């Protein structure tokens, strides 16, 4: 018979130990998982911090570059304006640049790449403007040389014109002088009532009227035109013999009004022309020296003297 006292032993203890090991393993796994997640989160946070720091540095650099471009653009605009170049387009670009600077902070992170591209674009623009400035400098230097040459030519031309005008004025003066009529062979005779003629000096009783003869010299320069020939006789008392009824009148000589004794109108045709005047005073002449002058237009053609004794 079997001994009932020899029944198999139960194993509760090993089951408890196994559970403990499972729990421990699970805890370890959980701890490891938690540690790994922490490490991942820590690393991710570190990467983000570094990325944010790099992003901010890039933003600052881009903004500083943008601001520097603005200042450089101001300099180029000023230079081009001083050189006489066209700056309207650059001023529009400058305005756009300032607007973008204001909006920069609001759109910072998403505009980094765009701004860096724009900065490069503005750099290219500045380089292009440097080329334009050099071109304008060369052109202005060329214009300066041309203007200097033109000024020299203008001065030379002005001097030539001045010389020409002076020569013309001198020529006109010479022509005017040469075209003035002159008289020659002047003769003053006292004509008595019987018709006898006597040269100066003569007495009052011999003078019924005066006969004045002279010739106008040939002048090929003078224009062919009508001339008024005026005879002015001044007595010893410095008064002009004047009688309106006998044909006397007034004329202007050297800006002053003067009297003439007798006048005759002629047509001068450049040839020598003899003239004769008869003048009846109607009264005795004062004794002394008389001056006879002949005028036409505004100049004197000649003069002579006669004496009544």
Protein backbone atom coordinates (compact mmCIF):
# COMPACT_ATOMS: atom_id res chain seq x y z
CA UNK A 1 0.00 0.00 0.00
CA UNK A 2 1.12 3.34 -0.82
CA UNK A 3 2.07 5.66 1.89
CA UNK A 4 -0.16 8.68 1.67
CA UNK A 5 2.35 10.63 3.69
CA UNK A 6 4.68 10.80 0.71
CA UNK A 7 2.65 13.26 -1.47
CA UNK A 8 4.46 15.63 -3.88
CA UNK A 9 5.52 18.97 -2.37
CA UNK A 10 3.87 22.20 -3.65
CA UNK A 11 6.14 24.93 -5.14
CA UNK A 12 4.61 28.24 -4.19
CA UNK A 13 7.94 29.91 -3.51
CA UNK A 14 9.38 29.58 -6.99
CA UNK A 15 6.22 31.12 -8.52
CA UNK A 16 6.54 34.17 -6.34
CA UNK A 17 10.19 34.60 -7.25
CA UNK A 18 9.42 34.31 -10.91
CA UNK A 19 6.78 36.98 -10.69
CA UNK A 20 9.24 39.23 -8.95
CA UNK A 21 11.72 38.70 -11.74
CA UNK A 22 9.08 39.49 -14.35
CA UNK A 23 8.09 42.63 -12.54
CA UNK A 24 11.71 43.57 -12.24
CA UNK A 25 12.30 42.99 -15.92
CA UNK A 26 9.21 45.00 -16.82
CA UNK A 27 10.31 47.79 -14.51
CA UNK A 28 13.74 47.74 -16.03
CA UNK A 29 12.25 47.83 -19.52
CA UNK A 30 9.97 50.69 -18.51
CA UNK A 31 12.86 52.52 -16.95
CA UNK A 32 14.96 51.97 -20.01
CA UNK A 33 12.13 53.12 -22.23
CA UNK A 34 11.56 56.15 -20.07
CA UNK A 35 15.27 56.85 -20.04
CA UNK A 36 15.46 56.48 -23.79
CA UNK A 37 12.51 58.80 -24.29
CA UNK A 38 14.08 61.30 -21.92
CA UNK A 39 17.36 61.04 -23.73
CA UNK A 40 15.57 61.44 -27.09
CA UNK A 41 13.57 64.38 -25.82
CA UNK A 42 16.69 65.90 -24.36
CA UNK A 43 18.59 65.43 -27.59
CA UNK A 44 15.63 66.75 -29.60
CA UNK A 45 15.39 69.76 -27.31
CA UNK A 46 19.12 70.36 -27.62
CA UNK A 47 18.90 70.14 -31.41
CA UNK A 48 15.98 72.58 -31.45
CA UNK A 49 17.84 74.99 -29.17
CA UNK A 50 20.90 74.82 -31.39
CA UNK A 51 18.72 75.16 -34.46
CA UNK A 52 16.89 78.13 -32.96
CA UNK A 53 20.18 79.72 -32.00
CA UNK A 54 21.50 79.21 -35.51
CA UNK A 55 18.24 80.50 -36.98
CA UNK A 56 18.38 83.66 -34.86
CA UNK A 57 22.00 84.23 -35.83
CA UNK A 58 21.05 83.82 -39.46
CA UNK A 59 18.17 86.23 -39.02
CA UNK A 60 20.40 88.78 -37.35
CA UNK A 61 23.02 88.39 -40.04
CA UNK A 62 20.42 88.68 -42.79
CA UNK A 63 18.89 91.79 -41.20
CA UNK A 64 22.31 93.36 -40.71
CA UNK A 65 23.17 92.58 -44.32
CA UNK A 66 19.86 94.05 -45.41
CA UNK A 67 20.49 97.20 -43.37
CA UNK A 68 24.02 97.41 -44.77
CA UNK A 69 22.62 97.11 -48.29
CA UNK A 70 20.26 99.99 -47.50
CA UNK A 71 23.15 102.21 -46.42
CA UNK A 72 25.24 101.22 -49.42
CA UNK A 73 22.30 101.88 -51.73
CA UNK A 74 22.01 105.40 -50.23
CA UNK A 75 25.66 105.99 -51.07
CA UNK A 76 25.20 104.78 -54.66
CA UNK A 77 22.07 106.90 -55.12
CA UNK A 78 23.95 109.98 -53.93
CA UNK A 79 26.91 109.33 -56.20
CA UNK A 80 24.75 108.63 -59.25
CA UNK A 81 22.68 111.76 -58.55
CA UNK A 82 25.86 113.85 -58.28
CA UNK A 83 27.05 112.43 -61.59
CA UNK A 84 23.76 113.28 -63.27
CA UNK A 85 22.52 109.68 -63.58
CA UNK A 86 18.94 108.40 -63.39
CA UNK A 87 18.01 107.45 -59.79
CA UNK A 88 14.21 107.17 -59.87
CA UNK A 89 14.34 103.37 -60.13
CA UNK A 90 16.93 103.17 -57.33
CA UNK A 91 14.75 105.35 -55.10
CA UNK A 92 11.85 102.97 -55.68
CA UNK A 93 14.10 100.04 -54.80
CA UNK A 94 15.26 101.91 -51.70
CA UNK A 95 11.66 102.46 -50.61
CA UNK A 96 10.87 98.79 -51.16
CA UNK A 97 13.97 97.83 -49.17
CA UNK A 98 12.92 99.96 -46.20
CA UNK A 99 9.44 98.42 -46.27
CA UNK A 100 10.96 94.97 -46.24
CA UNK A 101 13.13 95.89 -43.26
CA UNK A 102 10.02 96.94 -41.33
CA UNK A 103 8.23 93.70 -42.16
CA UNK A 104 11.35 91.65 -41.48
CA UNK A 105 10.75 90.91 -37.80
CA UNK A 106 7.14 89.85 -38.40
CA UNK A 107 8.04 87.25 -40.99
CA UNK A 108 11.51 86.46 -39.74
CA UNK A 109 11.76 82.72 -39.63
CA UNK A 110 10.01 81.93 -42.84
CA UNK A 111 11.87 84.66 -44.71
CA UNK A 112 15.42 83.62 -43.92
CA UNK A 113 16.06 81.96 -47.23
CA UNK A 114 14.17 84.66 -49.15
CA UNK A 115 16.07 87.46 -47.41
CA UNK A 116 19.40 85.81 -47.97
CA UNK A 117 18.46 85.52 -51.62
CA UNK A 118 17.40 89.18 -51.68
CA UNK A 119 20.63 90.21 -49.95
CA UNK A 120 22.55 88.47 -52.68
CA UNK A 121 20.30 90.14 -55.22
CA UNK A 122 20.94 93.53 -53.69
CA UNK A 123 24.66 92.80 -53.64
CA UNK A 124 24.44 92.04 -57.35
CA UNK A 125 22.46 95.26 -57.77
CA UNK A 126 25.13 97.24 -55.91
CA UNK A 127 27.82 95.71 -58.07
CA UNK A 128 25.80 96.66 -61.14
CA UNK A 129 25.48 100.22 -59.79
CA UNK A 130 29.23 100.34 -59.19
CA UNK A 131 29.65 99.48 -62.85
CA UNK A 132 27.12 102.21 -63.70
CA UNK A 133 28.96 104.71 -61.50
CA UNK A 134 32.23 103.93 -63.24
CA UNK A 135 30.50 104.28 -66.61
CA UNK A 136 29.03 107.63 -65.58
CA UNK A 137 32.40 108.80 -64.27
CA UNK A 138 34.05 107.93 -67.57
CA UNK A 139 31.21 109.61 -69.47
CA UNK A 140 31.34 112.70 -67.24
CA UNK A 141 35.11 112.90 -67.59
CA UNK A 142 34.65 112.67 -71.35
CA UNK A 143 31.94 115.33 -71.22
CA UNK A 144 34.18 117.51 -69.07
CA UNK A 145 36.94 117.24 -71.66
CA UNK A 146 34.44 117.96 -74.43
CA UNK A 147 32.97 120.89 -72.50
CA UNK A 148 36.45 122.27 -71.89
CA UNK A 149 37.24 121.94 -75.57
CA UNK A 150 33.90 123.53 -76.47
CA UNK A 151 34.56 126.39 -74.05
CA UNK A 152 37.97 126.93 -75.59
CA UNK A 153 36.41 126.85 -79.05
CA UNK A 154 33.61 129.15 -77.89
CA UNK A 155 36.15 131.57 -76.41
CA UNK A 156 38.19 131.47 -79.59
CA UNK A 157 35.03 131.94 -81.65
CA UNK A 158 33.93 134.77 -79.39
CA UNK A 159 37.33 136.40 -79.76
CA UNK A 160 37.15 135.91 -83.52
CA UNK A 161 33.64 137.39 -83.64
CA UNK A 162 34.79 140.27 -81.47
CA UNK A 163 37.74 140.88 -83.78
CA UNK A 164 35.45 140.55 -86.78
CA UNK A 165 32.96 143.01 -85.28
CA UNK A 166 35.78 145.41 -84.49
CA UNK A 167 37.11 145.05 -88.01
CA UNK A 168 33.60 145.48 -89.37
CA UNK A 169 33.06 148.55 -87.21
CA UNK A 170 36.38 149.99 -88.36
CA UNK A 171 35.51 149.18 -91.95
CA UNK A 172 32.08 150.75 -91.58
CA UNK A 173 33.70 153.78 -89.99
CA UNK A 174 36.17 154.01 -92.85
CA UNK A 175 33.39 153.59 -95.39
CA UNK A 176 31.29 156.20 -93.60
CA UNK A 177 34.25 158.55 -93.55
CA UNK A 178 35.12 157.81 -97.15
CA UNK A 179 31.50 158.28 -98.23
CA UNK A 180 31.35 161.81 -96.82
CA UNK A 181 31.21 164.45 -99.51
CA UNK A 182 33.82 167.19 -99.67
CA UNK A 183 33.99 170.48 -101.51
CA UNK A 184 36.82 172.11 -103.39
CA UNK A 185 37.50 175.19 -105.53
CA UNK A 186 35.45 177.34 -103.21
CA UNK A 187 35.09 180.94 -104.39
CA UNK A 188 33.11 183.77 -102.78
CA UNK A 189 32.44 186.80 -104.98
CA UNK A 190 30.73 190.10 -104.40
CA UNK A 191 28.39 190.83 -107.31
CA UNK A 192 27.56 194.51 -107.83
CA UNK A 193 24.29 195.81 -109.19
CA UNK A 194 26.01 196.18 -112.58
CA UNK A 195 26.96 192.48 -112.51
CA UNK A 196 30.66 192.95 -111.84
CA UNK A 197 32.20 190.26 -109.70
CA UNK A 198 34.95 190.91 -107.16
CA UNK A 199 36.80 188.39 -104.97
CA UNK A 200 37.35 188.86 -101.22
CA UNK A 201 38.14 191.24 -99.69
CA UNK A 202 35.46 193.58 -100.97
CA UNK A 203 33.49 196.56 -99.78
CA UNK A 204 29.80 196.88 -98.95
CA UNK A 205 29.17 199.12 -101.95
CA UNK A 206 30.37 196.33 -104.19
CA UNK A 207 27.87 193.82 -102.74
CA UNK A 208 24.48 193.65 -104.32
CA UNK A 209 24.46 189.95 -103.56
CA UNK A 210 26.99 187.24 -102.75
CA UNK A 211 27.88 184.53 -105.19
CA UNK A 212 29.17 181.31 -103.66
CA UNK A 213 30.73 178.78 -106.04
CA UNK A 214 32.30 175.39 -105.24
CA UNK A 215 32.53 171.87 -106.55
CA UNK A 216 31.52 168.67 -104.77
CA UNK A 217 34.33 166.19 -105.26
CA UNK A 218 33.77 162.92 -107.03
CA UNK A 219 33.08 160.11 -104.57
CA UNK A 220 32.65 156.53 -105.84
CA UNK A 221 31.88 155.21 -102.34
CA UNK A 222 29.04 157.57 -101.49
CA UNK A 223 25.53 156.39 -102.31
CA UNK A 224 23.63 157.92 -105.19
CA UNK A 225 20.91 159.90 -103.46
CA UNK A 226 19.32 163.26 -102.93
CA UNK A 227 21.30 165.65 -100.74
CA UNK A 228 20.45 168.90 -99.06
CA UNK A 229 23.46 171.23 -99.33
CA UNK A 230 23.44 173.90 -96.59
CA UNK A 231 25.52 177.08 -96.59
CA UNK A 232 26.11 178.73 -93.23
CA UNK A 233 27.63 182.25 -93.09
CA UNK A 234 28.76 183.50 -89.67
CA UNK A 235 29.56 187.19 -89.22
CA UNK A 236 32.25 188.95 -87.18
CA UNK A 237 29.81 189.10 -84.25
CA UNK A 238 29.54 185.27 -84.27
CA UNK A 239 25.92 185.46 -85.40
CA UNK A 240 24.68 183.48 -88.38
CA UNK A 241 23.28 185.53 -91.27
CA UNK A 242 19.71 184.34 -91.15
CA UNK A 243 16.59 185.35 -93.08
CA UNK A 244 13.67 182.96 -93.39
CA UNK A 245 12.30 184.93 -96.33
CA UNK A 246 15.60 184.40 -98.16
CA UNK A 247 15.53 180.62 -97.53
CA UNK A 248 17.29 180.35 -94.17
CA UNK A 249 16.39 177.60 -91.68
CA UNK A 250 17.73 175.28 -88.96
CA UNK A 251 19.46 171.88 -88.86
CA UNK A 252 21.07 169.61 -86.25
CA UNK A 253 24.83 169.26 -86.08
CA UNK A 254 26.63 167.18 -83.42
CA UNK A 255 23.46 166.96 -81.39
CA UNK A 256 22.79 170.69 -81.33
CA UNK A 257 20.40 172.83 -83.37
CA UNK A 258 22.08 175.35 -85.62
CA UNK A 259 21.08 177.89 -88.33
CA UNK A 260 21.95 177.85 -92.00
CA UNK A 261 21.85 180.84 -94.35
CA UNK A 262 20.83 179.23 -97.63
CA UNK A 263 20.08 175.73 -98.92
CA UNK A 264 19.93 173.86 -102.22
CA UNK A 265 18.70 170.31 -102.88
CA UNK A 266 20.63 168.20 -105.41
CA UNK A 267 20.94 164.63 -106.67
CA UNK A 268 24.46 163.38 -106.06
CA UNK A 269 25.50 160.72 -108.58
CA UNK A 270 29.07 160.15 -107.34
CA UNK A 271 30.48 162.42 -110.01
CA UNK A 272 32.04 165.82 -109.45
CA UNK A 273 29.34 168.45 -109.36
CA UNK A 274 29.61 172.29 -109.51
CA UNK A 275 27.18 174.35 -107.42
CA UNK A 276 26.51 178.08 -107.33
CA UNK A 277 24.51 179.99 -104.72
CA UNK A 278 23.31 183.61 -104.89
CA UNK A 279 22.39 185.32 -101.65
CA UNK A 280 20.94 188.82 -101.24
CA UNK A 281 21.24 190.00 -97.65
CA UNK A 282 19.17 193.12 -98.26
CA UNK A 283 21.35 195.25 -95.98
CA UNK A 284 24.98 196.19 -95.44
CA UNK A 285 27.41 193.66 -94.05
CA UNK A 286 29.23 194.36 -90.83
CA UNK A 287 32.89 194.98 -91.50
CA UNK A 288 35.22 192.14 -90.64
CA UNK A 289 35.88 188.46 -91.28
CA UNK A 290 33.11 186.06 -92.20
CA UNK A 291 33.22 182.28 -92.03
CA UNK A 292 31.40 180.27 -94.67
CA UNK A 293 30.70 176.57 -93.95
CA UNK A 294 29.00 173.98 -96.13
CA UNK A 295 27.06 171.05 -94.57
CA UNK A 296 25.05 168.06 -95.70
CA UNK A 297 23.25 165.50 -93.56
CA UNK A 298 25.02 165.72 -90.18
CA UNK A 299 28.58 166.52 -91.22
CA UNK A 300 30.59 169.43 -92.58
CA UNK A 301 31.77 169.29 -96.21
CA UNK A 302 34.21 172.20 -95.97
CA UNK A 303 34.68 175.83 -95.04
CA UNK A 304 36.35 179.08 -96.14
CA UNK A 305 36.51 182.77 -95.20
CA UNK A 306 35.90 186.15 -96.79
CA UNK A 307 36.36 189.72 -95.61
CA UNK A 308 34.19 192.81 -95.93
CA UNK A 309 36.18 196.00 -95.47
